[in-house]
Protein backbone atom coordinates (compact mmCIF):
# COMPACT_ATOMS: atom_id res chain seq x y z
CA MET A 1 0.00 -32.08 -124.33
CA LYS A 2 -0.86 -34.10 -121.26
CA VAL A 3 -3.97 -33.73 -119.11
CA ASP A 4 -3.95 -34.39 -115.38
CA PHE A 5 -7.30 -34.54 -113.65
CA ASN A 6 -8.98 -35.16 -110.33
CA CYS A 7 -12.61 -35.24 -109.34
CA ASN A 8 -13.99 -34.76 -105.84
CA SER A 9 -17.73 -34.61 -105.14
CA GLY A 10 -18.43 -33.87 -108.78
CA VAL A 11 -15.89 -31.05 -109.12
CA LEU A 12 -13.70 -31.95 -112.10
CA ASN A 13 -10.31 -30.21 -112.09
CA LEU A 14 -8.25 -30.31 -115.28
CA LYS A 15 -4.56 -29.40 -115.52
CA PHE A 16 -2.90 -29.07 -118.93
CA LEU A 17 0.81 -29.79 -119.28
CA LEU A 18 2.17 -28.32 -122.51
CA ASP A 19 4.96 -29.59 -124.71
CA GLN A 20 7.24 -27.39 -126.75
CA ASN A 21 5.45 -25.62 -129.64
CA GLU A 22 2.12 -25.70 -127.78
CA GLY A 23 0.04 -22.88 -126.34
CA MET A 24 -0.73 -20.83 -129.47
CA ASP A 25 -3.31 -21.58 -132.15
CA CYS A 26 -2.49 -21.82 -135.86
CA THR A 27 -3.52 -18.20 -136.51
CA GLY A 28 -1.10 -16.82 -133.94
CA SER A 29 -3.87 -14.63 -132.51
CA VAL A 30 -5.27 -16.97 -129.86
CA LYS A 31 -3.19 -18.29 -126.99
CA MET A 32 -3.58 -20.51 -123.95
CA GLU A 33 -3.85 -18.08 -121.05
CA ARG A 34 -4.42 -20.55 -118.20
CA ASP A 35 -3.29 -24.14 -117.89
CA GLU A 36 -6.17 -25.30 -115.71
CA CYS A 37 -9.94 -25.13 -115.35
CA LYS A 38 -12.73 -26.70 -113.34
CA ILE A 39 -16.22 -27.96 -114.12
CA VAL A 40 -18.74 -28.38 -111.30
CA LEU A 41 -20.90 -31.42 -112.07
CA PRO A 42 -23.46 -33.28 -109.89
CA LYS A 43 -21.90 -34.55 -106.66
CA ASP A 44 -22.27 -38.21 -107.61
CA TRP A 45 -20.64 -37.73 -111.04
CA THR A 46 -17.20 -39.23 -111.62
CA VAL A 47 -14.85 -39.45 -114.59
CA TYR A 48 -15.14 -43.23 -114.50
CA SER A 49 -18.93 -43.20 -114.74
CA ILE A 50 -18.83 -41.95 -118.34
CA HIS A 51 -17.39 -43.47 -121.49
CA PRO A 52 -13.72 -42.47 -121.95
CA ASP A 53 -14.45 -41.22 -125.46
CA LEU A 54 -16.90 -38.67 -124.03
CA PHE A 55 -14.28 -37.44 -121.59
CA ALA A 56 -11.79 -37.19 -124.44
CA LEU A 57 -14.21 -35.20 -126.60
CA ALA A 58 -14.88 -32.74 -123.77
CA VAL A 59 -11.15 -32.18 -123.19
CA ILE A 60 -10.51 -31.77 -126.91
CA LEU A 61 -13.15 -29.04 -127.12
CA ILE A 62 -11.33 -27.09 -124.40
CA VAL A 63 -7.75 -27.28 -125.70
CA TYR A 64 -7.80 -28.38 -129.35
CA PRO A 65 -6.36 -25.13 -130.82
CA PHE A 66 -3.28 -25.46 -128.61
CA ILE A 67 -2.39 -29.13 -129.23
CA ASP A 68 0.67 -29.81 -131.36
CA LYS A 69 0.72 -33.49 -132.36
CA GLU A 70 -0.62 -35.52 -129.48
CA LEU A 71 -3.03 -35.31 -126.53
CA ASN A 72 -2.60 -37.65 -123.56
CA ILE A 73 -5.78 -37.65 -121.45
CA GLY A 74 -4.67 -40.38 -119.05
CA ILE A 75 -7.62 -42.67 -119.84
CA GLY A 76 -7.71 -45.17 -122.69
CA VAL A 77 -10.01 -44.22 -125.56
CA SER A 78 -11.45 -46.57 -128.15
CA LYS A 79 -9.44 -47.35 -131.26
CA GLU A 80 -12.30 -46.03 -133.38
CA PHE A 81 -12.33 -42.66 -131.61
CA ASN A 82 -8.58 -42.22 -131.95
CA GLU A 83 -8.68 -43.16 -135.63
CA GLU A 84 -11.50 -40.70 -136.33
CA PHE A 85 -9.73 -37.93 -134.43
CA HIS A 86 -6.48 -38.59 -136.29
CA SER A 87 -8.27 -38.74 -139.63
CA LEU A 88 -9.94 -35.37 -139.02
CA THR A 89 -7.06 -33.50 -137.40
CA GLY A 90 -3.79 -35.28 -138.14
CA LYS A 91 -3.24 -35.45 -134.37
CA LYS A 92 -3.31 -38.42 -132.00
CA ILE A 93 -5.01 -39.04 -128.70
CA ILE A 94 -3.52 -41.48 -126.20
CA PRO A 95 -3.64 -43.91 -124.54
CA VAL A 96 -5.75 -46.23 -126.70
CA ASP A 97 -7.64 -49.15 -125.18
CA ASN A 98 -7.98 -51.68 -128.00
CA ARG A 99 -10.55 -53.65 -125.99
CA LEU A 100 -12.85 -50.66 -125.52
CA LYS A 101 -15.87 -50.48 -127.80
CA PRO A 102 -17.17 -47.11 -129.01
CA ARG A 103 -19.94 -45.57 -126.92
CA LYS A 104 -23.55 -46.41 -127.75
CA ALA A 105 -26.33 -44.31 -126.25
CA GLU A 106 -28.86 -46.21 -124.16
CA ARG A 107 -32.21 -46.91 -125.78
CA ASN A 108 -34.04 -44.61 -123.34
CA SER A 109 -31.56 -41.73 -123.84
CA ARG A 110 -32.94 -38.24 -124.34
CA PRO A 111 -32.08 -35.18 -126.41
CA ALA A 112 -30.06 -32.47 -124.69
CA LEU A 113 -29.90 -28.74 -125.36
CA ALA A 114 -26.86 -26.57 -124.68
CA TYR A 115 -29.14 -23.90 -123.25
CA SER A 116 -28.11 -20.25 -122.95
CA GLY A 117 -31.38 -18.47 -122.18
CA GLY A 118 -31.12 -16.38 -125.36
CA VAL A 119 -33.76 -16.10 -128.07
CA ASP A 120 -32.25 -18.67 -130.44
CA SER A 121 -31.56 -21.19 -127.69
CA THR A 122 -35.10 -20.75 -126.34
CA VAL A 123 -36.57 -21.28 -129.80
CA ALA A 124 -34.51 -24.47 -130.07
CA LEU A 125 -36.22 -25.61 -126.86
CA THR A 126 -39.59 -24.74 -128.41
CA LEU A 127 -38.88 -26.96 -131.43
CA LEU A 128 -37.35 -29.94 -129.60
CA PRO A 129 -39.29 -32.84 -128.00
CA GLU A 130 -40.83 -32.20 -124.58
CA ASN A 131 -38.37 -34.55 -122.84
CA THR A 132 -35.35 -32.45 -123.85
CA PHE A 133 -32.86 -31.86 -121.04
CA CYS A 134 -31.52 -28.29 -120.76
CA VAL A 135 -27.86 -27.96 -119.76
CA PHE A 136 -26.71 -24.42 -119.02
CA LEU A 137 -22.99 -23.61 -119.00
CA ASP A 138 -22.70 -21.17 -116.10
CA ARG A 139 -19.57 -19.07 -116.52
CA ILE A 140 -17.67 -18.52 -113.28
CA LEU A 141 -14.45 -16.64 -112.59
CA PRO A 142 -11.10 -18.40 -112.20
CA LYS A 143 -9.97 -18.66 -108.60
CA ASP A 144 -6.91 -16.49 -109.26
CA ASP A 145 -8.74 -13.55 -110.83
CA SER A 146 -11.89 -12.31 -109.14
CA ASN A 147 -11.56 -8.83 -110.69
CA ILE A 148 -12.72 -9.90 -114.15
CA LYS A 149 -16.06 -8.36 -115.08
CA ILE A 150 -18.79 -10.94 -115.67
CA TYR A 151 -22.20 -10.45 -117.24
CA ASP A 152 -25.47 -10.13 -115.30
CA LYS A 153 -26.82 -13.66 -114.79
CA ARG A 154 -30.14 -12.83 -113.14
CA ALA A 155 -32.06 -13.37 -116.38
CA ILE A 156 -30.70 -16.85 -117.09
CA TYR A 157 -31.12 -17.96 -113.47
CA LYS A 158 -34.76 -16.86 -113.58
CA ALA A 159 -35.21 -18.70 -116.87
CA CYS A 160 -33.72 -21.92 -115.47
CA LYS A 161 -35.91 -21.68 -112.38
CA PHE A 162 -39.02 -21.09 -114.48
CA LEU A 163 -38.27 -24.11 -116.67
CA SER A 164 -37.61 -26.27 -113.62
CA ASP A 165 -40.83 -25.07 -111.96
CA ILE A 166 -42.94 -26.10 -114.97
CA GLY A 167 -41.38 -29.57 -115.01
CA ARG A 168 -38.57 -29.21 -117.54
CA ASP A 169 -35.26 -30.86 -116.61
CA VAL A 170 -32.41 -28.40 -116.18
CA HIS A 171 -28.77 -28.75 -115.16
CA VAL A 172 -26.79 -25.61 -114.29
CA ILE A 173 -23.09 -26.47 -114.60
CA GLU A 174 -20.53 -23.97 -113.34
CA THR A 175 -17.18 -23.76 -115.13
CA ASP A 176 -14.32 -21.37 -115.82
CA LEU A 177 -13.19 -23.15 -119.00
CA GLU A 178 -13.57 -19.98 -121.11
CA TYR A 179 -10.59 -18.47 -119.34
CA VAL A 180 -8.19 -21.14 -120.62
CA ARG A 181 -8.21 -19.16 -123.85
CA SER A 182 -7.11 -15.59 -124.55
CA PRO A 183 -8.98 -13.65 -125.77
CA LYS A 184 -11.52 -15.10 -123.35
CA GLY A 185 -14.09 -17.34 -124.99
CA PHE A 186 -14.81 -20.82 -126.23
CA ALA A 187 -11.99 -22.63 -128.01
CA ILE A 188 -14.34 -23.60 -130.84
CA GLU A 189 -18.03 -23.24 -131.65
CA TYR A 190 -19.07 -26.51 -130.03
CA SER A 191 -17.38 -25.87 -126.68
CA THR A 192 -20.73 -24.74 -125.26
CA SER A 193 -21.71 -28.42 -125.36
CA ILE A 194 -18.99 -29.56 -122.94
CA PRO A 195 -21.25 -29.82 -119.84
CA ALA A 196 -23.82 -31.82 -121.82
CA ILE A 197 -21.09 -34.11 -123.17
CA LEU A 198 -19.85 -34.84 -119.64
CA LEU A 199 -23.44 -35.60 -118.56
CA ALA A 200 -24.25 -37.77 -121.58
CA ASP A 201 -23.92 -41.01 -119.55
CA TYR A 202 -25.36 -39.56 -116.34
CA LYS A 203 -28.77 -40.93 -115.22
CA ASP A 204 -30.86 -41.60 -118.36
CA GLY A 205 -28.18 -40.16 -120.62
CA PHE A 206 -28.26 -38.24 -123.89
CA ASP A 207 -28.26 -39.33 -127.51
CA SER A 208 -27.97 -35.89 -129.12
CA ILE A 209 -27.06 -32.28 -128.37
CA ALA A 210 -28.86 -29.26 -129.78
CA SER A 211 -27.82 -25.63 -129.78
CA GLY A 212 -29.15 -22.24 -130.86
CA THR A 213 -26.91 -21.95 -133.92
CA VAL A 214 -28.83 -19.93 -136.53
CA LEU A 215 -28.74 -19.62 -140.31
CA GLU A 216 -26.40 -16.60 -140.21
CA SER A 217 -23.74 -18.79 -138.57
CA ALA A 218 -24.50 -22.09 -140.29
CA TYR A 219 -24.65 -20.75 -143.85
CA LEU A 220 -22.76 -17.44 -143.80
CA GLU A 221 -21.85 -16.80 -147.43
CA PHE A 222 -22.94 -20.42 -147.83
CA LYS A 223 -19.91 -21.93 -146.12
CA ASP A 224 -20.45 -25.32 -144.53
CA PHE A 225 -20.87 -24.77 -140.79
CA ASN A 226 -18.96 -27.99 -140.08
CA LYS A 227 -15.83 -26.51 -141.63
CA SER A 228 -16.32 -22.75 -141.29
CA ARG A 229 -14.69 -20.98 -138.32
CA LEU A 230 -13.99 -24.33 -136.67
CA TYR A 231 -10.35 -24.89 -137.65
CA ASN A 232 -11.64 -26.57 -140.81
CA ILE A 233 -12.63 -29.74 -138.97
CA GLU A 234 -15.86 -31.69 -139.32
CA TRP A 235 -16.57 -31.92 -135.60
CA ARG A 236 -19.92 -33.55 -136.26
CA LYS A 237 -18.06 -36.78 -137.08
CA LEU A 238 -16.47 -36.85 -133.62
CA PHE A 239 -19.91 -36.44 -132.05
CA ASN A 240 -21.17 -39.27 -134.25
CA ILE A 241 -18.41 -41.64 -133.13
CA VAL A 242 -19.55 -41.23 -129.49
CA ASP A 243 -23.21 -41.66 -130.52
CA LEU A 244 -24.05 -38.15 -129.35
CA LEU A 245 -25.38 -36.64 -132.53
CA ARG A 246 -25.47 -32.92 -133.28
CA ASN A 247 -29.03 -31.66 -133.51
CA ASP A 248 -28.80 -28.00 -134.54
CA VAL A 249 -32.51 -27.37 -134.91
CA THR A 250 -32.29 -23.63 -135.62
CA ALA A 251 -29.55 -23.87 -138.27
CA GLY A 252 -32.10 -23.19 -141.02
CA LEU A 253 -33.66 -20.20 -139.25
CA SER A 254 -32.38 -16.62 -139.30
CA ASN A 255 -32.56 -14.33 -136.27
CA VAL A 256 -35.67 -12.87 -137.86
CA ALA A 257 -37.32 -16.30 -138.02
CA THR A 258 -36.39 -17.26 -134.46
CA LEU A 259 -37.88 -14.02 -133.12
CA LYS A 260 -41.01 -14.71 -135.16
CA ILE A 261 -41.33 -18.21 -133.65
CA LEU A 262 -40.67 -16.97 -130.12
CA HIS A 263 -43.42 -14.35 -130.31
CA LYS A 264 -45.87 -16.66 -132.08
CA ASP A 265 -45.45 -19.44 -129.55
CA GLN A 266 -45.51 -17.14 -126.48
CA ARG A 267 -44.72 -19.90 -123.95
CA TYR A 268 -41.17 -18.72 -123.29
CA VAL A 269 -41.19 -15.17 -124.63
CA HIS A 270 -40.92 -13.74 -121.11
CA ILE A 271 -37.74 -15.69 -120.24
CA ALA A 272 -35.81 -15.41 -123.51
CA LYS A 273 -33.16 -12.73 -123.01
CA SER A 274 -30.28 -12.49 -125.47
CA CYS A 275 -29.18 -9.30 -123.73
CA MET A 276 -26.17 -10.06 -121.49
CA LYS A 277 -27.05 -7.15 -119.20
CA SER A 278 -30.69 -8.02 -118.64
CA ASP A 279 -31.90 -8.27 -115.04
CA GLY A 280 -34.48 -10.87 -116.04
CA LEU A 281 -37.32 -8.38 -116.24
CA LYS A 282 -36.27 -6.10 -119.09
CA ASN A 283 -33.45 -5.72 -121.58
CA CYS A 284 -30.73 -3.13 -121.03
CA MET A 285 -31.38 -1.27 -124.32
CA ASP A 286 -27.69 -0.42 -124.28
CA CYS A 287 -26.02 -3.21 -126.31
CA TRP A 288 -25.64 -4.48 -129.87
CA LYS A 289 -28.16 -7.28 -129.40
CA CYS A 290 -30.81 -4.91 -128.03
CA PHE A 291 -30.16 -2.60 -130.99
CA ARG A 292 -30.75 -5.29 -133.60
CA LYS A 293 -33.51 -7.28 -131.96
CA THR A 294 -35.56 -4.19 -131.07
CA LEU A 295 -35.61 -3.14 -134.72
CA ILE A 296 -36.39 -6.67 -135.93
CA ILE A 297 -39.31 -7.09 -133.51
CA LYS A 298 -40.74 -3.71 -134.51
CA THR A 299 -40.46 -4.73 -138.16
CA LEU A 300 -41.99 -8.17 -137.61
CA ASN A 301 -44.92 -6.67 -135.72
CA LYS A 302 -45.33 -3.95 -138.37
CA GLU A 303 -44.97 -1.30 -135.67
CA GLN A 304 -43.75 2.21 -136.40
CA ILE A 305 -40.06 2.79 -135.72
CA THR A 306 -40.17 6.31 -134.33
CA ASP A 307 -37.44 8.92 -134.69
CA GLU A 308 -37.24 9.05 -130.90
CA LEU A 309 -36.44 5.32 -130.74
CA ILE A 310 -33.92 5.60 -133.57
CA ASP A 311 -32.19 8.52 -131.84
CA ARG A 312 -31.84 6.43 -128.71
CA LEU A 313 -30.67 3.26 -130.44
CA PHE A 314 -27.99 4.98 -132.49
CA LEU A 315 -26.44 6.38 -129.31
CA ILE A 316 -25.69 2.87 -128.01
CA SER A 317 -21.90 2.71 -127.83
CA GLU A 318 -21.53 -1.00 -128.65
CA ALA A 319 -23.93 -0.71 -131.60
CA ARG A 320 -22.00 2.27 -132.96
CA THR A 321 -18.77 0.25 -132.83
CA TYR A 322 -20.27 -2.56 -134.94
CA LEU A 323 -22.03 -0.19 -137.34
CA LYS A 324 -18.76 1.53 -138.20
CA ARG A 325 -17.13 -1.67 -139.41
CA ILE A 326 -16.77 -2.98 -142.92
CA PRO A 327 -18.19 -5.51 -143.49
CA LEU A 328 -21.41 -4.63 -141.68
CA ARG A 329 -22.35 -7.55 -139.44
CA PHE A 330 -25.80 -9.08 -140.00
CA GLU A 331 -26.31 -7.08 -143.18
CA ASN A 332 -29.12 -9.49 -144.11
CA GLN A 333 -31.06 -8.43 -141.01
CA PHE A 334 -30.55 -4.74 -141.73
CA ALA A 335 -31.69 -5.31 -145.31
CA TYR A 336 -34.89 -6.82 -143.88
CA ILE A 337 -35.38 -3.94 -141.42
CA THR A 338 -34.68 -1.12 -143.86
CA ALA A 339 -36.71 -2.69 -146.68
CA ASN A 340 -39.73 -2.26 -144.42
CA TYR A 341 -38.78 1.19 -143.08
CA GLU A 342 -40.76 4.09 -144.54
CA GLY A 343 -39.62 6.90 -142.25
CA SER A 344 -37.24 9.76 -142.95
CA HIS A 345 -34.61 9.55 -140.20
CA PRO A 346 -31.22 10.34 -141.83
CA LEU A 347 -29.38 7.44 -140.19
CA MET A 348 -31.99 4.86 -141.17
CA LYS A 349 -32.10 6.21 -144.72
CA LEU A 350 -28.32 5.89 -144.99
CA LEU A 351 -28.46 2.41 -143.48
CA LYS A 352 -31.05 1.61 -146.11
CA ASN A 353 -28.65 2.84 -148.80
CA LEU A 354 -25.89 0.65 -147.35
CA THR A 355 -28.12 -2.39 -147.82
CA LYS A 356 -29.79 -1.26 -151.05
CA GLU A 357 -28.04 -3.98 -153.06
CA TYR A 358 -29.99 -6.47 -150.94
CA ASN A 359 -33.22 -4.50 -151.11
CA ASN A 360 -33.41 -5.50 -154.76
CA ILE A 361 -33.80 -9.04 -153.43
CA GLU A 362 -37.04 -10.13 -151.78
CA VAL A 363 -36.22 -10.17 -148.04
CA TYR A 364 -39.10 -12.17 -146.58
CA TRP A 365 -37.14 -15.41 -146.91
CA LEU A 366 -35.61 -14.34 -143.61
CA GLU A 367 -38.92 -15.20 -141.94
CA LYS A 368 -38.87 -18.73 -143.37
CA TRP A 369 -37.11 -22.07 -142.84
CA TYR A 370 -34.21 -23.15 -145.03
CA SER A 371 -35.12 -26.82 -145.47
CA PRO A 372 -31.67 -28.10 -146.61
CA SER A 373 -30.66 -27.52 -142.98
CA VAL A 374 -32.37 -30.84 -142.28
CA GLU A 375 -28.81 -32.21 -142.59
CA HIS A 376 -28.16 -30.69 -139.14
CA LEU A 377 -31.02 -32.59 -137.48
CA CYS A 378 -30.73 -35.81 -135.49
CA PRO A 379 -32.64 -38.47 -137.50
CA LYS A 380 -34.41 -39.77 -134.38
CA TYR A 381 -36.11 -36.41 -133.78
CA LYS A 382 -36.17 -35.02 -137.31
CA ASN A 383 -39.88 -35.48 -138.01
CA THR A 384 -40.95 -33.93 -134.71
CA ILE A 385 -38.69 -30.92 -135.23
CA ILE A 386 -39.81 -30.32 -138.82
CA GLU A 387 -43.45 -30.58 -137.77
CA ASN A 388 -42.85 -28.02 -135.02
CA ILE A 389 -41.00 -25.62 -137.33
CA LYS A 390 -43.87 -25.68 -139.83
CA LYS A 391 -46.32 -24.66 -137.10
CA TYR A 392 -44.72 -21.24 -136.98
CA VAL A 393 -42.98 -20.42 -140.26
CA GLU A 394 -43.20 -21.23 -143.94
CA VAL A 395 -40.61 -23.24 -145.87
CA MET A 396 -38.39 -21.34 -148.30
CA SER A 397 -39.08 -21.87 -151.99
CA GLU A 398 -36.30 -23.14 -154.26
CA GLU A 399 -35.75 -19.58 -155.45
CA GLU A 400 -35.40 -18.36 -151.87
CA GLN A 401 -33.00 -21.19 -151.09
CA LYS A 402 -30.80 -19.97 -153.93
CA ILE A 403 -30.64 -16.54 -152.27
CA VAL A 404 -29.16 -18.21 -149.19
CA GLN A 405 -26.77 -20.31 -151.26
CA ASN A 406 -25.57 -17.31 -153.27
CA TRP A 407 -25.38 -14.89 -150.36
CA ASP A 408 -21.97 -13.23 -150.56
CA SER A 409 -21.44 -9.64 -149.50
CA ARG A 410 -17.73 -9.39 -150.32
CA ASN A 411 -18.17 -7.89 -153.78
CA ILE A 412 -20.58 -5.23 -152.52
CA TYR A 413 -18.14 -3.92 -149.90
CA ASN A 414 -15.60 -3.17 -152.63
CA LEU A 415 -17.95 -1.02 -154.71
CA ASP A 416 -17.12 2.71 -154.82
CA ASN A 417 -20.75 3.63 -154.18
CA TYR A 418 -20.79 1.51 -151.04
CA LYS A 419 -17.61 3.12 -149.72
CA LYS A 420 -19.00 6.62 -150.34
CA THR A 421 -22.29 5.79 -148.66
CA HIS A 422 -20.46 4.24 -145.72
CA SER A 423 -18.37 7.40 -145.35
CA ARG A 424 -21.53 9.56 -145.26
CA PHE A 425 -23.06 7.14 -142.77
CA LEU A 426 -20.04 7.47 -140.46
CA ASP A 427 -20.15 11.27 -140.63
CA THR A 428 -23.86 11.31 -139.82
CA LEU A 429 -23.39 8.77 -137.02
CA ASN A 430 -20.63 10.88 -135.44
CA ASN A 431 -22.64 14.09 -135.79
CA HIS A 432 -25.65 12.37 -134.25
CA ARG A 433 -23.69 11.67 -131.10
CA LYS A 434 -22.24 15.18 -130.94
CA ASN A 435 -25.64 16.81 -131.41
CA LYS A 436 -27.33 14.65 -128.78
CA LYS A 437 -24.61 15.46 -126.25
CA LYS A 438 -25.25 19.19 -126.53
């Protein structure tokens, strides 16, 4: 694959020229839908004002799944970067500039956050040093398809304005890079960091990038996040070679713990909106995230979960779709919710039965910090982050850490009792909708 590019007044246009055997990922389920994208950076930004290895990393994170054997980015990268990339992937990046030294962050560089405005991302901001720079990837539509539906962005725009007004540094970077891929989305987990990577040598510069990755993603069934769901590649090593270290501060915190921190701290609780349909004032109460987070917050605050609320939540179409699936997504969170539920609503009781295997396990570890996740912290900021985490939540005991390490739901889904309970749950869920429509 070859990459052509041009940049005018900060607008970076990328064109991808494919070779034979390129355009489909190794699973055969993800394809390259568009061969171009643009990224709108500050007007005085240019490709030649950043280290070539940073540019290469950004491009790789857009198109990696579709590369066959070689990627030509048109700018010489360092020998060290090419060797690391080849060692990790078996692929090459060209051209190579043997005189170019690997990038080193400036001494006064700052931490960056790939900010989304959601709960987990906002909690990451809470835990990071005060000089952290927020970089929001603002999804825009491709020029050739204005009919695609896009989510409501009023909430995130209000959040960015609020942060800017109180003196936090924020960059809002427009891009349509998600539409290179079909199904639409980021090529890999770290693609959300692309704007921050391209800004890493801009002004003061960055020495690390944080995200809102949580424990459920970082340690799902105790798979190493660096290799799980990322084409089995240790991407952290590529970030290391460009001296832009990963700093995933929430990797040891579950969604329960991040919500606990958000509501304890209070500074940003009014701007944190994980709901993609929020208008910035209130959540939509009509999506999967609203379903889960409403129940978690009620449980954390020890508030009664009324039958009226349950009736409403279980009518949410998106939530119903996820609840019908095996495996049940976020079963650890539902184990936490139902372990604390003492009501008699049929759907909640059946949901409790679906997670009963976990209810035999103490669930309050979900409110705590998994300290082995320190491996995901940038050494320069590690002490500050750990100190901040401990202000809000306790540290898991060794016994609780073992629960995380041994968490594996696959055997439970194959039990006959689980299948029977799930069948009853589906019947009750379907009847609930029919009865409420009458």
